[in-house]
Amino acid sequence: MTTKPRIKPLTTAEEAKVQRQIASDPDAPEATDEELAQAKPFAEAFPDLMESIKRARGRPSVEKPRQQVSLRLDPDVIKAFKSTGKGWQGRVNEALRKAAGL
């Protein structure tokens, strides 16, 4: 198992430098208390856009979704299908459908 490298926390001096750089950016001024009080959640401010984002997420729904099962197969069978490349599980499904006369 591989582990992600840990990112060391910034020192106080490094954090202060970052904060100074943020504060000096004229294109991204810090919001005032009044601006924050008027802020709305994204979904409330842009309901149509939020709905389009929700619809675009994830895989599209299918009429008959496949079911996950646990199946024991001989190692040489698995190796043969895997050697055919990406999509090998779909090819196993097709072979089973053919064998079942579907």
N, C-alpha and C. Protein backbone atom coordinates (compact mmCIF):
# COMPACT_ATOMS: atom_id res chain seq x y z
N MET A 1 0.84 -1.18 0.00
CA MET A 1 0.00 0.00 0.00
C MET A 1 0.89 1.24 0.00
N THR A 2 0.55 2.19 -0.87
CA THR A 2 1.32 3.42 -0.90
C THR A 2 0.63 4.47 -0.04
N THR A 3 1.43 5.31 0.55
CA THR A 3 0.87 6.39 1.37
C THR A 3 1.19 7.71 0.72
N LYS A 4 0.30 8.66 0.92
CA LYS A 4 0.52 10.00 0.38
C LYS A 4 1.59 10.69 1.20
N PRO A 5 2.46 11.44 0.56
CA PRO A 5 3.46 12.18 1.33
C PRO A 5 2.75 13.26 2.15
N ARG A 6 3.19 13.42 3.36
CA ARG A 6 2.59 14.43 4.23
C ARG A 6 3.17 15.80 3.89
N ILE A 7 2.31 16.78 3.91
CA ILE A 7 2.75 18.15 3.65
C ILE A 7 2.99 18.81 5.00
N LYS A 8 4.20 19.30 5.17
CA LYS A 8 4.52 19.90 6.47
C LYS A 8 3.77 21.22 6.62
N PRO A 9 3.30 21.52 7.82
CA PRO A 9 2.58 22.77 8.03
C PRO A 9 3.50 23.97 7.84
N LEU A 10 2.90 25.10 7.48
CA LEU A 10 3.67 26.32 7.30
C LEU A 10 4.17 26.84 8.64
N THR A 11 5.32 27.44 8.60
CA THR A 11 5.82 28.11 9.81
C THR A 11 5.02 29.40 10.00
N THR A 12 5.14 29.99 11.16
CA THR A 12 4.45 31.25 11.43
C THR A 12 4.87 32.32 10.43
N ALA A 13 6.16 32.37 10.11
CA ALA A 13 6.66 33.36 9.16
C ALA A 13 6.10 33.11 7.75
N GLU A 14 6.05 31.83 7.35
CA GLU A 14 5.51 31.50 6.03
C GLU A 14 4.02 31.85 5.95
N GLU A 15 3.27 31.54 6.99
CA GLU A 15 1.84 31.86 7.03
C GLU A 15 1.63 33.37 6.95
N ALA A 16 2.43 34.13 7.68
CA ALA A 16 2.32 35.59 7.65
C ALA A 16 2.60 36.13 6.25
N LYS A 17 3.58 35.55 5.57
CA LYS A 17 3.91 35.98 4.21
C LYS A 17 2.73 35.70 3.27
N VAL A 18 2.13 34.53 3.39
CA VAL A 18 0.98 34.18 2.55
C VAL A 18 -0.16 35.16 2.81
N GLN A 19 -0.44 35.45 4.07
CA GLN A 19 -1.53 36.37 4.41
C GLN A 19 -1.26 37.77 3.86
N ARG A 20 -0.02 38.22 3.89
CA ARG A 20 0.33 39.54 3.33
C ARG A 20 0.09 39.55 1.82
N GLN A 21 0.47 38.47 1.16
CA GLN A 21 0.27 38.39 -0.29
C GLN A 21 -1.22 38.39 -0.64
N ILE A 22 -2.02 37.69 0.15
CA ILE A 22 -3.46 37.68 -0.07
C ILE A 22 -4.03 39.09 0.10
N ALA A 23 -3.64 39.75 1.17
CA ALA A 23 -4.15 41.09 1.47
C ALA A 23 -3.73 42.11 0.42
N SER A 24 -2.59 41.90 -0.25
CA SER A 24 -2.10 42.87 -1.22
C SER A 24 -2.68 42.67 -2.62
N ASP A 25 -3.50 41.64 -2.82
CA ASP A 25 -4.05 41.35 -4.15
C ASP A 25 -5.24 42.28 -4.43
N PRO A 26 -5.09 43.26 -5.35
CA PRO A 26 -6.18 44.20 -5.61
C PRO A 26 -7.38 43.55 -6.30
N ASP A 27 -7.18 42.40 -6.93
CA ASP A 27 -8.27 41.73 -7.64
C ASP A 27 -9.13 40.85 -6.73
N ALA A 28 -8.70 40.66 -5.50
CA ALA A 28 -9.44 39.79 -4.59
C ALA A 28 -9.45 40.39 -3.18
N PRO A 29 -10.12 41.54 -3.03
CA PRO A 29 -10.14 42.14 -1.70
C PRO A 29 -10.94 41.30 -0.72
N GLU A 30 -10.61 41.41 0.55
CA GLU A 30 -11.32 40.67 1.58
C GLU A 30 -12.74 41.23 1.70
N ALA A 31 -13.72 40.34 1.86
CA ALA A 31 -15.11 40.77 1.97
C ALA A 31 -15.33 41.51 3.28
N THR A 32 -16.17 42.54 3.20
CA THR A 32 -16.51 43.30 4.40
C THR A 32 -17.60 42.57 5.17
N ASP A 33 -17.84 42.96 6.40
CA ASP A 33 -18.91 42.37 7.20
C ASP A 33 -20.27 42.58 6.53
N GLU A 34 -20.47 43.75 5.92
CA GLU A 34 -21.73 44.04 5.23
C GLU A 34 -21.92 43.10 4.03
N GLU A 35 -20.83 42.90 3.28
CA GLU A 35 -20.90 42.00 2.12
C GLU A 35 -21.20 40.58 2.56
N LEU A 36 -20.55 40.15 3.63
CA LEU A 36 -20.80 38.79 4.13
C LEU A 36 -22.23 38.63 4.63
N ALA A 37 -22.79 39.68 5.23
CA ALA A 37 -24.17 39.62 5.72
C ALA A 37 -25.16 39.48 4.58
N GLN A 38 -24.82 40.01 3.40
CA GLN A 38 -25.71 39.94 2.24
C GLN A 38 -25.48 38.69 1.39
N ALA A 39 -24.46 37.93 1.71
CA ALA A 39 -24.12 36.75 0.90
C ALA A 39 -25.22 35.70 0.98
N LYS A 40 -25.44 35.02 -0.15
CA LYS A 40 -26.43 33.94 -0.23
C LYS A 40 -25.70 32.65 -0.60
N PRO A 41 -26.25 31.51 -0.20
CA PRO A 41 -25.67 30.24 -0.64
C PRO A 41 -25.74 30.15 -2.17
N PHE A 42 -24.79 29.47 -2.76
CA PHE A 42 -24.71 29.35 -4.22
C PHE A 42 -26.02 28.85 -4.80
N ALA A 43 -26.59 27.79 -4.20
CA ALA A 43 -27.83 27.20 -4.72
C ALA A 43 -28.98 28.19 -4.70
N GLU A 44 -28.99 29.11 -3.74
CA GLU A 44 -30.05 30.11 -3.64
C GLU A 44 -29.81 31.24 -4.65
N ALA A 45 -28.57 31.61 -4.83
CA ALA A 45 -28.24 32.71 -5.74
C ALA A 45 -28.36 32.30 -7.21
N PHE A 46 -28.03 31.05 -7.51
CA PHE A 46 -28.05 30.56 -8.90
C PHE A 46 -28.77 29.21 -8.97
N PRO A 47 -30.09 29.17 -8.73
CA PRO A 47 -30.80 27.88 -8.68
C PRO A 47 -30.74 27.10 -9.99
N ASP A 48 -30.86 27.77 -11.13
CA ASP A 48 -30.83 27.06 -12.41
C ASP A 48 -29.47 26.43 -12.67
N LEU A 49 -28.42 27.19 -12.38
CA LEU A 49 -27.07 26.66 -12.57
C LEU A 49 -26.83 25.49 -11.63
N MET A 50 -27.28 25.61 -10.38
CA MET A 50 -27.11 24.52 -9.42
C MET A 50 -27.81 23.26 -9.90
N GLU A 51 -29.00 23.41 -10.44
CA GLU A 51 -29.75 22.25 -10.94
C GLU A 51 -29.02 21.59 -12.10
N SER A 52 -28.43 22.39 -12.99
CA SER A 52 -27.70 21.81 -14.13
C SER A 52 -26.44 21.09 -13.66
N ILE A 53 -25.82 21.59 -12.60
CA ILE A 53 -24.63 20.93 -12.05
C ILE A 53 -25.03 19.60 -11.43
N LYS A 54 -26.14 19.58 -10.70
CA LYS A 54 -26.61 18.34 -10.08
C LYS A 54 -26.88 17.27 -11.13
N ARG A 55 -27.52 17.68 -12.24
CA ARG A 55 -27.86 16.71 -13.29
C ARG A 55 -26.62 16.17 -13.97
N ALA A 56 -25.56 16.98 -14.04
CA ALA A 56 -24.36 16.59 -14.76
C ALA A 56 -23.43 15.69 -13.94
N ARG A 57 -23.68 15.58 -12.64
CA ARG A 57 -22.79 14.81 -11.78
C ARG A 57 -23.00 13.31 -11.93
N GLY A 58 -21.91 12.58 -11.82
CA GLY A 58 -21.97 11.12 -11.75
C GLY A 58 -22.36 10.47 -13.06
N ARG A 59 -22.55 9.18 -12.97
CA ARG A 59 -22.94 8.41 -14.14
C ARG A 59 -24.43 8.61 -14.41
N PRO A 60 -24.80 8.59 -15.67
CA PRO A 60 -26.23 8.70 -15.97
C PRO A 60 -26.97 7.46 -15.47
N SER A 61 -28.21 7.64 -15.06
CA SER A 61 -28.97 6.49 -14.58
C SER A 61 -29.35 5.61 -15.77
N VAL A 62 -29.46 4.33 -15.51
CA VAL A 62 -29.82 3.37 -16.55
C VAL A 62 -31.11 2.67 -16.15
N GLU A 63 -31.83 2.18 -17.15
CA GLU A 63 -33.12 1.52 -16.89
C GLU A 63 -32.94 0.25 -16.05
N LYS A 64 -31.96 -0.55 -16.43
CA LYS A 64 -31.69 -1.79 -15.69
C LYS A 64 -30.23 -1.79 -15.22
N PRO A 65 -29.97 -1.22 -14.05
CA PRO A 65 -28.57 -1.18 -13.60
C PRO A 65 -28.03 -2.57 -13.31
N ARG A 66 -26.76 -2.75 -13.57
CA ARG A 66 -26.13 -4.05 -13.29
C ARG A 66 -26.01 -4.24 -11.79
N GLN A 67 -26.02 -5.50 -11.39
CA GLN A 67 -25.91 -5.84 -9.98
C GLN A 67 -24.51 -6.37 -9.69
N GLN A 68 -23.98 -5.97 -8.56
CA GLN A 68 -22.66 -6.46 -8.17
C GLN A 68 -22.83 -7.82 -7.49
N VAL A 69 -22.01 -8.77 -7.91
CA VAL A 69 -22.01 -10.11 -7.32
C VAL A 69 -20.57 -10.53 -7.05
N SER A 70 -20.44 -11.52 -6.21
CA SER A 70 -19.13 -12.11 -5.97
C SER A 70 -19.13 -13.45 -6.70
N LEU A 71 -18.13 -13.66 -7.52
CA LEU A 71 -18.09 -14.85 -8.37
C LEU A 71 -16.68 -15.39 -8.39
N ARG A 72 -16.53 -16.67 -8.13
CA ARG A 72 -15.20 -17.27 -8.17
C ARG A 72 -14.96 -17.90 -9.54
N LEU A 73 -13.89 -17.47 -10.18
CA LEU A 73 -13.52 -17.99 -11.49
C LEU A 73 -12.09 -18.51 -11.43
N ASP A 74 -11.78 -19.41 -12.34
CA ASP A 74 -10.42 -19.94 -12.41
C ASP A 74 -9.46 -18.81 -12.79
N PRO A 75 -8.26 -18.83 -12.21
CA PRO A 75 -7.29 -17.77 -12.50
C PRO A 75 -6.98 -17.62 -13.98
N ASP A 76 -6.92 -18.73 -14.72
CA ASP A 76 -6.59 -18.62 -16.14
C ASP A 76 -7.71 -17.96 -16.94
N VAL A 77 -8.96 -18.12 -16.49
CA VAL A 77 -10.08 -17.47 -17.15
C VAL A 77 -9.98 -15.96 -16.94
N ILE A 78 -9.73 -15.56 -15.70
CA ILE A 78 -9.60 -14.13 -15.40
C ILE A 78 -8.43 -13.54 -16.17
N LYS A 79 -7.30 -14.24 -16.19
CA LYS A 79 -6.11 -13.76 -16.90
C LYS A 79 -6.40 -13.58 -18.38
N ALA A 80 -7.12 -14.53 -18.97
CA ALA A 80 -7.44 -14.45 -20.40
C ALA A 80 -8.30 -13.22 -20.70
N PHE A 81 -9.31 -12.97 -19.88
CA PHE A 81 -10.16 -11.80 -20.12
C PHE A 81 -9.41 -10.50 -19.85
N LYS A 82 -8.63 -10.45 -18.76
CA LYS A 82 -7.89 -9.24 -18.44
C LYS A 82 -6.86 -8.91 -19.53
N SER A 83 -6.32 -9.93 -20.15
CA SER A 83 -5.30 -9.70 -21.18
C SER A 83 -5.88 -9.02 -22.42
N THR A 84 -7.21 -8.99 -22.53
CA THR A 84 -7.84 -8.34 -23.68
C THR A 84 -7.98 -6.84 -23.47
N GLY A 85 -7.59 -6.36 -22.28
CA GLY A 85 -7.57 -4.92 -22.03
C GLY A 85 -8.77 -4.39 -21.29
N LYS A 86 -8.86 -3.06 -21.30
CA LYS A 86 -9.92 -2.36 -20.60
C LYS A 86 -11.29 -2.84 -21.10
N GLY A 87 -12.24 -2.97 -20.17
CA GLY A 87 -13.57 -3.44 -20.53
C GLY A 87 -13.73 -4.94 -20.44
N TRP A 88 -12.75 -5.59 -19.81
CA TRP A 88 -12.78 -7.05 -19.75
C TRP A 88 -13.99 -7.57 -18.99
N GLN A 89 -14.47 -6.84 -17.98
CA GLN A 89 -15.63 -7.31 -17.22
C GLN A 89 -16.89 -7.30 -18.09
N GLY A 90 -17.00 -6.33 -18.96
CA GLY A 90 -18.12 -6.30 -19.89
C GLY A 90 -18.07 -7.48 -20.85
N ARG A 91 -16.87 -7.86 -21.24
CA ARG A 91 -16.73 -9.01 -22.13
C ARG A 91 -17.07 -10.31 -21.39
N VAL A 92 -16.76 -10.39 -20.10
CA VAL A 92 -17.18 -11.54 -19.31
C VAL A 92 -18.71 -11.59 -19.28
N ASN A 93 -19.34 -10.43 -19.08
CA ASN A 93 -20.80 -10.35 -19.06
C ASN A 93 -21.39 -10.84 -20.38
N GLU A 94 -20.81 -10.38 -21.50
CA GLU A 94 -21.29 -10.80 -22.82
C GLU A 94 -21.13 -12.30 -23.03
N ALA A 95 -20.01 -12.85 -22.58
CA ALA A 95 -19.79 -14.29 -22.73
C ALA A 95 -20.82 -15.08 -21.91
N LEU A 96 -21.13 -14.60 -20.72
CA LEU A 96 -22.13 -15.25 -19.88
C LEU A 96 -23.52 -15.12 -20.50
N ARG A 97 -23.83 -13.97 -21.08
CA ARG A 97 -25.13 -13.80 -21.73
C ARG A 97 -25.25 -14.79 -22.90
N LYS A 98 -24.19 -14.91 -23.67
CA LYS A 98 -24.20 -15.83 -24.82
C LYS A 98 -24.37 -17.27 -24.34
N ALA A 99 -23.64 -17.64 -23.28
CA ALA A 99 -23.75 -19.00 -22.75
C ALA A 99 -25.15 -19.28 -22.19
N ALA A 100 -25.79 -18.24 -21.67
CA ALA A 100 -27.14 -18.40 -21.11
C ALA A 100 -28.22 -18.31 -22.18
N GLY A 101 -27.82 -18.02 -23.42
CA GLY A 101 -28.77 -17.92 -24.51
C GLY A 101 -29.57 -16.63 -24.50
N LEU A 102 -28.98 -15.57 -23.97
CA LEU A 102 -29.67 -14.27 -23.88
C LEU A 102 -29.25 -13.34 -25.01
